[in-house]
Structures are given as structure tokens and as C-alpha cells.
Amino acid sequence: MSRYDADLRVVGEHGQPLHVVVDIDEERLSLHTADTEIGSWARSEVRINALNDGFHIRVEGDEIVLDLGDEVDADFALAAGLRAGPPLLRRKMSARLRSQ
């Protein structure tokens, strides 16, 4: 399982993002704060797309955006099994794959 710190915001809502921890593996995606689980879903229930403003996650009819920062965004994209995204992210993903 891979673990990442992220800022979460709900599409269409304004205000401060919520700091969360994201756990992801081949079977599950889980989001939680320091003391509360926000949700845990089977990967088959979740759609993840990398866009310029972050990772858009659609689950249970809602869409959230995770901002993981430039240091780990390629690692998260690879852990999520993504093959597409903005050009800079794709270059970073390629570099990570080459260095493995």
C-alpha cells in the first residue's frame, strides 16, 4: 500500500481544502484525516483522472480533487495505474519508470 498526504476539495465548493491522507493499492482507495475516515472504496468503484489542477476522483456520484504536490504526483499516478495526464505529469511518470 502507498500512502500520500494531500489537500482535498470538492468540485464546485470554495473554501479551504481539507488535509487528508490517501492510502492506495491495487484493491482499495482510502481517505482519512488525522482522526476520521472519510471513505474507503474498492478501486473498481473509483474513477481517477489527472488534470492540471490535481487528481479528480469520482466515487458514489461525487467528484473531489486531490492536490498531492509536485514531489509525489507521479508516484501517485503510477500507484493509481494512470497512463494519461497533463504533459508534465506524463514526463515525470516516465522518468520514475526509467529509474526503477
PDB file of N, CA and C in Angstrom:
ATOM      1  N   MET A   1       0.843  -1.176   0.000  1.00  0.00           N
ATOM      2  CA  MET A   1       0.000   0.000   0.000  1.00  0.00           C
ATOM      3  C   MET A   1       0.884   1.234   0.000  1.00  0.00           C
ATOM      4  N   SER A   2       0.478   2.221  -0.772  1.00  0.00           N
ATOM      5  CA  SER A   2       1.176   3.501  -0.822  1.00  0.00           C
ATOM      6  C   SER A   2       0.357   4.530  -0.056  1.00  0.00           C
ATOM      7  N   ARG A   3       1.046   5.433   0.622  1.00  0.00           N
ATOM      8  CA  ARG A   3       0.388   6.464   1.441  1.00  0.00           C
ATOM      9  C   ARG A   3       0.897   7.834   1.020  1.00  0.00           C
ATOM     10  N   TYR A   4      -0.039   8.778   0.870  1.00  0.00           N
ATOM     11  CA  TYR A   4       0.296  10.131   0.416  1.00  0.00           C
ATOM     12  C   TYR A   4      -0.478  11.166   1.227  1.00  0.00           C
ATOM     13  N   ASP A   5       0.169  12.283   1.506  1.00  0.00           N
ATOM     14  CA  ASP A   5      -0.514  13.448   2.074  1.00  0.00           C
ATOM     15  C   ASP A   5      -1.072  14.257   0.913  1.00  0.00           C
ATOM     16  N   ALA A   6      -2.267  14.804   1.111  1.00  0.00           N
ATOM     17  CA  ALA A   6      -2.908  15.574   0.035  1.00  0.00           C
ATOM     18  C   ALA A   6      -3.847  16.614   0.625  1.00  0.00           C
ATOM     19  N   ASP A   7      -4.188  17.578  -0.215  1.00  0.00           N
ATOM     20  CA  ASP A   7      -5.247  18.530   0.102  1.00  0.00           C
ATOM     21  C   ASP A   7      -6.446  18.155  -0.744  1.00  0.00           C
ATOM     22  N   LEU A   8      -7.603  18.042  -0.115  1.00  0.00           N
ATOM     23  CA  LEU A   8      -8.828  17.618  -0.766  1.00  0.00           C
ATOM     24  C   LEU A   8      -9.799  18.786  -0.858  1.00  0.00           C
ATOM     25  N   ARG A   9     -10.407  18.919  -2.020  1.00  0.00           N
ATOM     26  CA  ARG A   9     -11.504  19.874  -2.169  1.00  0.00           C
ATOM     27  C   ARG A   9     -12.588  19.213  -3.003  1.00  0.00           C
ATOM     28  N   VAL A  10     -13.815  19.646  -2.776  1.00  0.00           N
ATOM     29  CA  VAL A  10     -14.966  19.126  -3.507  1.00  0.00           C
ATOM     30  C   VAL A  10     -15.206  20.040  -4.700  1.00  0.00           C
ATOM     31  N   VAL A  11     -15.389  19.438  -5.872  1.00  0.00           N
ATOM     32  CA  VAL A  11     -15.633  20.220  -7.084  1.00  0.00           C
ATOM     33  C   VAL A  11     -16.892  21.054  -6.882  1.00  0.00           C
ATOM     34  N   GLY A  12     -16.783  22.337  -7.212  1.00  0.00           N
ATOM     35  CA  GLY A  12     -17.908  23.245  -7.108  1.00  0.00           C
ATOM     36  C   GLY A  12     -18.025  23.957  -5.771  1.00  0.00           C
ATOM     37  N   GLU A  13     -17.237  23.564  -4.791  1.00  0.00           N
ATOM     38  CA  GLU A  13     -17.267  24.235  -3.497  1.00  0.00           C
ATOM     39  C   GLU A  13     -15.997  25.054  -3.330  1.00  0.00           C
ATOM     40  N   HIS A  14     -16.139  26.183  -2.650  1.00  0.00           N
ATOM     41  CA  HIS A  14     -14.992  27.050  -2.413  1.00  0.00           C
ATOM     42  C   HIS A  14     -14.664  27.026  -0.930  1.00  0.00           C
ATOM     43  N   GLY A  15     -13.495  27.417  -0.612  1.00  0.00           N
ATOM     44  CA  GLY A  15     -13.067  27.416   0.782  1.00  0.00           C
ATOM     45  C   GLY A  15     -11.744  26.688   0.919  1.00  0.00           C
ATOM     46  N   GLN A  16     -11.318  26.555   2.130  1.00  0.00           N
ATOM     47  CA  GLN A  16     -10.033  25.913   2.416  1.00  0.00           C
ATOM     48  C   GLN A  16     -10.101  24.420   2.120  1.00  0.00           C
ATOM     49  N   PRO A  17      -9.063  23.880   1.505  1.00  0.00           N
ATOM     50  CA  PRO A  17      -9.039  22.430   1.301  1.00  0.00           C
ATOM     51  C   PRO A  17      -8.823  21.714   2.638  1.00  0.00           C
ATOM     52  N   LEU A  18      -9.192  20.471   2.670  1.00  0.00           N
ATOM     53  CA  LEU A  18      -9.042  19.627   3.844  1.00  0.00           C
ATOM     54  C   LEU A  18      -7.791  18.780   3.676  1.00  0.00           C
ATOM     55  N   HIS A  19      -6.905  18.787   4.668  1.00  0.00           N
ATOM     56  CA  HIS A  19      -5.714  17.944   4.596  1.00  0.00           C
ATOM     57  C   HIS A  19      -6.113  16.497   4.893  1.00  0.00           C
ATOM     58  N   VAL A  20      -5.732  15.587   3.995  1.00  0.00           N
ATOM     59  CA  VAL A  20      -6.086  14.174   4.146  1.00  0.00           C
ATOM     60  C   VAL A  20      -4.860  13.307   3.897  1.00  0.00           C
ATOM     61  N   VAL A  21      -4.985  12.060   4.301  1.00  0.00           N
ATOM     62  CA  VAL A  21      -4.005  11.033   3.963  1.00  0.00           C
ATOM     63  C   VAL A  21      -4.710  10.062   3.025  1.00  0.00           C
ATOM     64  N   VAL A  22      -4.038   9.730   1.946  1.00  0.00           N
ATOM     65  CA  VAL A  22      -4.589   8.841   0.923  1.00  0.00           C
ATOM     66  C   VAL A  22      -3.803   7.534   0.965  1.00  0.00           C
ATOM     67  N   ASP A  23      -4.520   6.441   1.130  1.00  0.00           N
ATOM     68  CA  ASP A  23      -3.925   5.108   1.023  1.00  0.00           C
ATOM     69  C   ASP A  23      -4.463   4.476  -0.244  1.00  0.00           C
ATOM     70  N   ILE A  24      -3.557   3.960  -1.074  1.00  0.00           N
ATOM     71  CA  ILE A  24      -3.985   3.365  -2.335  1.00  0.00           C
ATOM     72  C   ILE A  24      -3.177   2.109  -2.604  1.00  0.00           C
ATOM     73  N   ASP A  25      -3.867   1.081  -3.059  1.00  0.00           N
ATOM     74  CA  ASP A  25      -3.198  -0.120  -3.543  1.00  0.00           C
ATOM     75  C   ASP A  25      -4.023  -0.655  -4.709  1.00  0.00           C
ATOM     76  N   GLU A  26      -3.732  -1.852  -5.141  1.00  0.00           N
ATOM     77  CA  GLU A  26      -4.422  -2.387  -6.314  1.00  0.00           C
ATOM     78  C   GLU A  26      -5.900  -2.650  -6.060  1.00  0.00           C
ATOM     79  N   GLU A  27      -6.292  -2.791  -4.792  1.00  0.00           N
ATOM     80  CA  GLU A  27      -7.668  -3.149  -4.479  1.00  0.00           C
ATOM     81  C   GLU A  27      -8.506  -2.031  -3.884  1.00  0.00           C
ATOM     82  N   ARG A  28      -7.887  -1.068  -3.149  1.00  0.00           N
ATOM     83  CA  ARG A  28      -8.664  -0.066  -2.413  1.00  0.00           C
ATOM     84  C   ARG A  28      -8.048   1.323  -2.483  1.00  0.00           C
ATOM     85  N   LEU A  29      -8.919   2.318  -2.321  1.00  0.00           N
ATOM     86  CA  LEU A  29      -8.521   3.708  -2.142  1.00  0.00           C
ATOM     87  C   LEU A  29      -9.208   4.174  -0.867  1.00  0.00           C
ATOM     88  N   SER A  30      -8.444   4.707   0.075  1.00  0.00           N
ATOM     89  CA  SER A  30      -8.996   5.187   1.342  1.00  0.00           C
ATOM     90  C   SER A  30      -8.515   6.602   1.592  1.00  0.00           C
ATOM     91  N   LEU A  31      -9.409   7.424   2.152  1.00  0.00           N
ATOM     92  CA  LEU A  31      -9.087   8.795   2.528  1.00  0.00           C
ATOM     93  C   LEU A  31      -9.419   8.975   3.997  1.00  0.00           C
ATOM     94  N   HIS A  32      -8.507   9.605   4.730  1.00  0.00           N
ATOM     95  CA  HIS A  32      -8.809   9.897   6.127  1.00  0.00           C
ATOM     96  C   HIS A  32      -8.044  11.121   6.586  1.00  0.00           C
ATOM     97  N   THR A  33      -8.581  11.758   7.624  1.00  0.00           N
ATOM     98  CA  THR A  33      -7.890  12.849   8.296  1.00  0.00           C
ATOM     99  C   THR A  33      -7.147  12.229   9.467  1.00  0.00           C
ATOM    100  N   ALA A  34      -6.589  13.053  10.320  1.00  0.00           N
ATOM    101  CA  ALA A  34      -5.836  12.529  11.455  1.00  0.00           C
ATOM    102  C   ALA A  34      -6.682  11.615  12.334  1.00  0.00           C
ATOM    103  N   ASP A  35      -7.980  11.896  12.441  1.00  0.00           N
ATOM    104  CA  ASP A  35      -8.803  11.109  13.359  1.00  0.00           C
ATOM    105  C   ASP A  35     -10.097  10.565  12.773  1.00  0.00           C
ATOM    106  N   THR A  36     -10.372  10.782  11.482  1.00  0.00           N
ATOM    107  CA  THR A  36     -11.636  10.366  10.891  1.00  0.00           C
ATOM    108  C   THR A  36     -11.431   9.755   9.508  1.00  0.00           C
ATOM    109  N   GLU A  37     -12.047   8.606   9.274  1.00  0.00           N
ATOM    110  CA  GLU A  37     -12.028   8.040   7.930  1.00  0.00           C
ATOM    111  C   GLU A  37     -13.105   8.722   7.098  1.00  0.00           C
ATOM    112  N   ILE A  38     -12.713   9.267   5.967  1.00  0.00           N
ATOM    113  CA  ILE A  38     -13.653   9.920   5.055  1.00  0.00           C
ATOM    114  C   ILE A  38     -14.343   8.865   4.204  1.00  0.00           C
ATOM    115  N   GLY A  39     -13.569   7.888   3.747  1.00  0.00           N
ATOM    116  CA  GLY A  39     -14.150   6.824   2.939  1.00  0.00           C
ATOM    117  C   GLY A  39     -13.105   5.823   2.518  1.00  0.00           C
ATOM    118  N   SER A  40     -13.586   4.642   2.191  1.00  0.00           N
ATOM    119  CA  SER A  40     -12.727   3.584   1.685  1.00  0.00           C
ATOM    120  C   SER A  40     -13.529   2.837   0.628  1.00  0.00           C
ATOM    121  N   TRP A  41     -12.976   2.748  -0.571  1.00  0.00           N
ATOM    122  CA  TRP A  41     -13.702   2.185  -1.691  1.00  0.00           C
ATOM    123  C   TRP A  41     -12.847   1.169  -2.440  1.00  0.00           C
ATOM    124  N   ALA A  42     -13.532   0.200  -3.030  1.00  0.00           N
ATOM    125  CA  ALA A  42     -12.856  -0.706  -3.954  1.00  0.00           C
ATOM    126  C   ALA A  42     -12.412   0.101  -5.160  1.00  0.00           C
ATOM    127  N   ARG A  43     -11.260  -0.221  -5.691  1.00  0.00           N
ATOM    128  CA  ARG A  43     -10.748   0.533  -6.846  1.00  0.00           C
ATOM    129  C   ARG A  43     -11.709   0.475  -8.029  1.00  0.00           C
ATOM    130  N   SER A  44     -12.475  -0.596  -8.138  1.00  0.00           N
ATOM    131  CA  SER A  44     -13.438  -0.709  -9.235  1.00  0.00           C
ATOM    132  C   SER A  44     -14.566   0.311  -9.117  1.00  0.00           C
ATOM    133  N   GLU A  45     -14.773   0.889  -7.932  1.00  0.00           N
ATOM    134  CA  GLU A  45     -15.823   1.885  -7.715  1.00  0.00           C
ATOM    135  C   GLU A  45     -15.346   3.311  -7.952  1.00  0.00           C
ATOM    136  N   VAL A  46     -14.057   3.479  -8.182  1.00  0.00           N
ATOM    137  CA  VAL A  46     -13.433   4.800  -8.222  1.00  0.00           C
ATOM    138  C   VAL A  46     -12.891   5.084  -9.622  1.00  0.00           C
ATOM    139  N   ARG A  47     -13.123   6.299 -10.099  1.00  0.00           N
ATOM    140  CA  ARG A  47     -12.525   6.755 -11.361  1.00  0.00           C
ATOM    141  C   ARG A  47     -11.563   7.881 -11.034  1.00  0.00           C
ATOM    142  N   ILE A  48     -10.317   7.754 -11.480  1.00  0.00           N
ATOM    143  CA  ILE A  48      -9.285   8.758 -11.203  1.00  0.00           C
ATOM    144  C   ILE A  48      -8.774   9.307 -12.528  1.00  0.00           C
ATOM    145  N   ASN A  49      -8.776  10.639 -12.645  1.00  0.00           N
ATOM    146  CA  ASN A  49      -8.234  11.319 -13.816  1.00  0.00           C
ATOM    147  C   ASN A  49      -7.262  12.387 -13.355  1.00  0.00           C
ATOM    148  N   ALA A  50      -6.131  12.473 -14.008  1.00  0.00           N
ATOM    149  CA  ALA A  50      -5.150  13.519 -13.718  1.00  0.00           C
ATOM    150  C   ALA A  50      -5.418  14.700 -14.637  1.00  0.00           C
ATOM    151  N   LEU A  51      -5.703  15.847 -14.035  1.00  0.00           N
ATOM    152  CA  LEU A  51      -5.914  17.085 -14.780  1.00  0.00           C
ATOM    153  C   LEU A  51      -4.927  18.129 -14.267  1.00  0.00           C
ATOM    154  N   ASN A  52      -4.918  19.293 -14.874  1.00  0.00           N
ATOM    155  CA  ASN A  52      -3.952  20.327 -14.494  1.00  0.00           C
ATOM    156  C   ASN A  52      -4.083  20.778 -13.044  1.00  0.00           C
ATOM    157  N   ASP A  53      -5.291  20.715 -12.490  1.00  0.00           N
ATOM    158  CA  ASP A  53      -5.486  21.208 -11.124  1.00  0.00           C
ATOM    159  C   ASP A  53      -5.423  20.118 -10.060  1.00  0.00           C
ATOM    160  N   GLY A  54      -5.100  18.891 -10.446  1.00  0.00           N
ATOM    161  CA  GLY A  54      -4.970  17.805  -9.479  1.00  0.00           C
ATOM    162  C   GLY A  54      -5.590  16.517  -9.991  1.00  0.00           C
ATOM    163  N   PHE A  55      -5.739  15.574  -9.091  1.00  0.00           N
ATOM    164  CA  PHE A  55      -6.326  14.283  -9.431  1.00  0.00           C
ATOM    165  C   PHE A  55      -7.820  14.333  -9.115  1.00  0.00           C
ATOM    166  N   HIS A  56      -8.633  14.218 -10.154  1.00  0.00           N
ATOM    167  CA  HIS A  56     -10.082  14.231  -9.985  1.00  0.00           C
ATOM    168  C   HIS A  56     -10.536  12.800  -9.729  1.00  0.00           C
ATOM    169  N   ILE A  57     -11.236  12.631  -8.630  1.00  0.00           N
ATOM    170  CA  ILE A  57     -11.696  11.309  -8.232  1.00  0.00           C
ATOM    171  C   ILE A  57     -13.220  11.329  -8.176  1.00  0.00           C
ATOM    172  N   ARG A  58     -13.822  10.421  -8.923  1.00  0.00           N
ATOM    173  CA  ARG A  58     -15.278  10.292  -8.923  1.00  0.00           C
ATOM    174  C   ARG A  58     -15.643   8.996  -8.208  1.00  0.00           C
ATOM    175  N   VAL A  59     -16.501   9.157  -7.200  1.00  0.00           N
ATOM    176  CA  VAL A  59     -16.955   7.992  -6.440  1.00  0.00           C
ATOM    177  C   VAL A  59     -18.313   8.314  -5.836  1.00  0.00           C
ATOM    178  N   GLU A  60     -19.205   7.359  -5.895  1.00  0.00           N
ATOM    179  CA  GLU A  60     -20.545   7.489  -5.309  1.00  0.00           C
ATOM    180  C   GLU A  60     -21.264   8.771  -5.750  1.00  0.00           C
ATOM    181  N   GLY A  61     -21.073   9.160  -7.012  1.00  0.00           N
ATOM    182  CA  GLY A  61     -21.754  10.329  -7.544  1.00  0.00           C
ATOM    183  C   GLY A  61     -21.128  11.665  -7.194  1.00  0.00           C
ATOM    184  N   ASP A  62     -20.052  11.668  -6.440  1.00  0.00           N
ATOM    185  CA  ASP A  62     -19.358  12.897  -6.071  1.00  0.00           C
ATOM    186  C   ASP A  62     -18.022  12.983  -6.798  1.00  0.00           C
ATOM    187  N   GLU A  63     -17.538  14.213  -6.929  1.00  0.00           N
ATOM    188  CA  GLU A  63     -16.216  14.418  -7.520  1.00  0.00           C
ATOM    189  C   GLU A  63     -15.394  15.282  -6.577  1.00  0.00           C
ATOM    190  N   ILE A  64     -14.222  14.767  -6.231  1.00  0.00           N
ATOM    191  CA  ILE A  64     -13.281  15.512  -5.401  1.00  0.00           C
ATOM    192  C   ILE A  64     -11.994  15.690  -6.176  1.00  0.00           C
ATOM    193  N   VAL A  65     -11.188  16.632  -5.717  1.00  0.00           N
ATOM    194  CA  VAL A  65      -9.892  16.866  -6.337  1.00  0.00           C
ATOM    195  C   VAL A  65      -8.832  16.748  -5.242  1.00  0.00           C
ATOM    196  N   LEU A  66      -7.802  15.953  -5.518  1.00  0.00           N
ATOM    197  CA  LEU A  66      -6.671  15.817  -4.609  1.00  0.00           C
ATOM    198  C   LEU A  66      -5.471  16.532  -5.191  1.00  0.00           C
ATOM    199  N   ASP A  67      -4.845  17.365  -4.376  1.00  0.00           N
ATOM    200  CA  ASP A  67      -3.591  18.022  -4.746  1.00  0.00           C
ATOM    201  C   ASP A  67      -2.510  17.398  -3.882  1.00  0.00           C
ATOM    202  N   LEU A  68      -1.625  16.637  -4.504  1.00  0.00           N
ATOM    203  CA  LEU A  68      -0.578  15.940  -3.781  1.00  0.00           C
ATOM    204  C   LEU A  68       0.753  16.664  -3.813  1.00  0.00           C
ATOM    205  N   GLY A  69       0.874  17.682  -4.631  1.00  0.00           N
ATOM    206  CA  GLY A  69       2.131  18.396  -4.751  1.00  0.00           C
ATOM    207  C   GLY A  69       3.017  17.775  -5.817  1.00  0.00           C
ATOM    208  N   ASP A  70       3.968  18.554  -6.272  1.00  0.00           N
ATOM    209  CA  ASP A  70       4.826  18.129  -7.378  1.00  0.00           C
ATOM    210  C   ASP A  70       5.801  17.016  -7.030  1.00  0.00           C
ATOM    211  N   GLU A  71       6.111  16.853  -5.753  1.00  0.00           N
ATOM    212  CA  GLU A  71       7.116  15.860  -5.365  1.00  0.00           C
ATOM    213  C   GLU A  71       6.638  14.421  -5.531  1.00  0.00           C
ATOM    214  N   VAL A  72       5.342  14.178  -5.324  1.00  0.00           N
ATOM    215  CA  VAL A  72       4.849  12.799  -5.328  1.00  0.00           C
ATOM    216  C   VAL A  72       3.721  12.544  -6.326  1.00  0.00           C
ATOM    217  N   ASP A  73       3.357  13.543  -7.120  1.00  0.00           N
ATOM    218  CA  ASP A  73       2.221  13.346  -8.017  1.00  0.00           C
ATOM    219  C   ASP A  73       2.454  12.220  -9.019  1.00  0.00           C
ATOM    220  N   ALA A  74       3.667  12.075  -9.514  1.00  0.00           N
ATOM    221  CA  ALA A  74       3.954  10.990 -10.457  1.00  0.00           C
ATOM    222  C   ALA A  74       3.875   9.637  -9.761  1.00  0.00           C
ATOM    223  N   ASP A  75       4.352   9.556  -8.524  1.00  0.00           N
ATOM    224  CA  ASP A  75       4.260   8.300  -7.780  1.00  0.00           C
ATOM    225  C   ASP A  75       2.801   7.892  -7.572  1.00  0.00           C
ATOM    226  N   PHE A  76       1.955   8.869  -7.193  1.00  0.00           N
ATOM    227  CA  PHE A  76       0.541   8.576  -7.009  1.00  0.00           C
ATOM    228  C   PHE A  76      -0.090   8.134  -8.329  1.00  0.00           C
ATOM    229  N   ALA A  77       0.220   8.829  -9.406  1.00  0.00           N
ATOM    230  CA  ALA A  77      -0.346   8.477 -10.709  1.00  0.00           C
ATOM    231  C   ALA A  77       0.014   7.037 -11.081  1.00  0.00           C
ATOM    232  N   LEU A  78       1.245   6.647 -10.832  1.00  0.00           N
ATOM    233  CA  LEU A  78       1.653   5.274 -11.131  1.00  0.00           C
ATOM    234  C   LEU A  78       0.967   4.283 -10.207  1.00  0.00           C
ATOM    235  N   ALA A  79       0.849   4.615  -8.922  1.00  0.00           N
ATOM    236  CA  ALA A  79       0.153   3.739  -7.977  1.00  0.00           C
ATOM    237  C   ALA A  79      -1.313   3.572  -8.359  1.00  0.00           C
ATOM    238  N   ALA A  80      -1.900   4.624  -8.947  1.00  0.00           N
ATOM    239  CA  ALA A  80      -3.295   4.581  -9.367  1.00  0.00           C
ATOM    240  C   ALA A  80      -3.467   3.883 -10.713  1.00  0.00           C
ATOM    241  N   GLY A  81      -2.363   3.545 -11.371  1.00  0.00           N
ATOM    242  CA  GLY A  81      -2.438   2.865 -12.660  1.00  0.00           C
ATOM    243  C   GLY A  81      -2.771   3.772 -13.821  1.00  0.00           C
ATOM    244  N   LEU A  82      -2.538   5.067 -13.657  1.00  0.00           N
ATOM    245  CA  LEU A  82      -2.853   6.006 -14.729  1.00  0.00           C
ATOM    246  C   LEU A  82      -1.846   5.897 -15.869  1.00  0.00           C
ATOM    247  N   ARG A  83      -2.327   6.122 -17.057  1.00  0.00           N
ATOM    248  CA  ARG A  83      -1.474   6.127 -18.244  1.00  0.00           C
ATOM    249  C   ARG A  83      -1.540   7.459 -18.964  1.00  0.00           C
ATOM    250  N   ALA A  84      -2.486   8.321 -18.577  1.00  0.00           N
ATOM    251  CA  ALA A  84      -2.678   9.607 -19.245  1.00  0.00           C
ATOM    252  C   ALA A  84      -2.698  10.712 -18.201  1.00  0.00           C
ATOM    253  N   GLY A  85      -2.439  11.920 -18.664  1.00  0.00           N
ATOM    254  CA  GLY A  85      -2.459  13.086 -17.790  1.00  0.00           C
ATOM    255  C   GLY A  85      -1.826  14.257 -18.505  1.00  0.00           C
ATOM    256  N   PRO A  86      -1.706  15.370 -17.819  1.00  0.00           N
ATOM    257  CA  PRO A  86      -1.048  16.529 -18.418  1.00  0.00           C
ATOM    258  C   PRO A  86       0.397  16.194 -18.815  1.00  0.00           C
ATOM    259  N   PRO A  87       0.942  16.888 -19.798  1.00  0.00           N
ATOM    260  CA  PRO A  87       2.281  16.570 -20.306  1.00  0.00           C
ATOM    261  C   PRO A  87       3.376  16.529 -19.229  1.00  0.00           C
ATOM    262  N   LEU A  88       3.414  17.487 -18.330  1.00  0.00           N
ATOM    263  CA  LEU A  88       4.453  17.490 -17.295  1.00  0.00           C
ATOM    264  C   LEU A  88       4.345  16.258 -16.408  1.00  0.00           C
ATOM    265  N   LEU A  89       3.148  15.881 -16.034  1.00  0.00           N
ATOM    266  CA  LEU A  89       2.960  14.685 -15.208  1.00  0.00           C
ATOM    267  C   LEU A  89       3.399  13.441 -15.968  1.00  0.00           C
ATOM    268  N   ARG A  90       3.063  13.332 -17.236  1.00  0.00           N
ATOM    269  CA  ARG A  90       3.480  12.164 -18.029  1.00  0.00           C
ATOM    270  C   ARG A  90       4.999  12.071 -18.109  1.00  0.00           C
ATOM    271  N   ARG A  91       5.674  13.213 -18.248  1.00  0.00           N
ATOM    272  CA  ARG A  91       7.148  13.197 -18.291  1.00  0.00           C
ATOM    273  C   ARG A  91       7.713  12.710 -16.954  1.00  0.00           C
ATOM    274  N   LYS A  92       7.137  13.181 -15.850  1.00  0.00           N
ATOM    275  CA  LYS A  92       7.610  12.744 -14.538  1.00  0.00           C
ATOM    276  C   LYS A  92       7.330  11.251 -14.308  1.00  0.00           C
ATOM    277  N   MET A  93       6.184  10.778 -14.790  1.00  0.00           N
ATOM    278  CA  MET A  93       5.874   9.361 -14.677  1.00  0.00           C
ATOM    279  C   MET A  93       6.877   8.523 -15.457  1.00  0.00           C
ATOM    280  N   SER A  94       7.216   8.973 -16.660  1.00  0.00           N
ATOM    281  CA  SER A  94       8.211   8.261 -17.487  1.00  0.00           C
ATOM    282  C   SER A  94       9.557   8.228 -16.802  1.00  0.00           C
ATOM    283  N   ALA A  95       9.953   9.341 -16.206  1.00  0.00           N
ATOM    284  CA  ALA A  95      11.234   9.393 -15.514  1.00  0.00           C
ATOM    285  C   ALA A  95      11.245   8.429 -14.331  1.00  0.00           C
ATOM    286  N   ARG A  96      10.141   8.336 -13.590  1.00  0.00           N
ATOM    287  CA  ARG A  96      10.057   7.406 -12.450  1.00  0.00           C
ATOM    288  C   ARG A  96      10.169   5.955 -12.935  1.00  0.00           C
ATOM    289  N   LEU A  97       9.486   5.666 -14.033  1.00  0.00           N
ATOM    290  CA  LEU A  97       9.544   4.300 -14.564  1.00  0.00           C
ATOM    291  C   LEU A  97      10.948   3.939 -15.040  1.00  0.00           C
ATOM    292  N   ARG A  98      11.641   4.894 -15.657  1.00  0.00           N
ATOM    293  CA  ARG A  98      13.000   4.637 -16.132  1.00  0.00           C
ATOM    294  C   ARG A  98      13.971   4.425 -14.985  1.00  0.00           C
ATOM    295  N   SER A  99      13.715   5.073 -13.850  1.00  0.00           N
ATOM    296  CA  SER A  99      14.650   4.978 -12.725  1.00  0.00           C
ATOM    297  C   SER A  99      14.429   3.732 -11.859  1.00  0.00           C
ATOM    298  N   GLN A 100      13.364   3.003 -12.152  1.00  0.00           N
ATOM    299  CA  GLN A 100      13.092   1.792 -11.351  1.00  0.00           C
ATOM    300  C   GLN A 100      13.917   0.632 -11.794  1.00  0.00           C
TER     301      GLN A 100
END
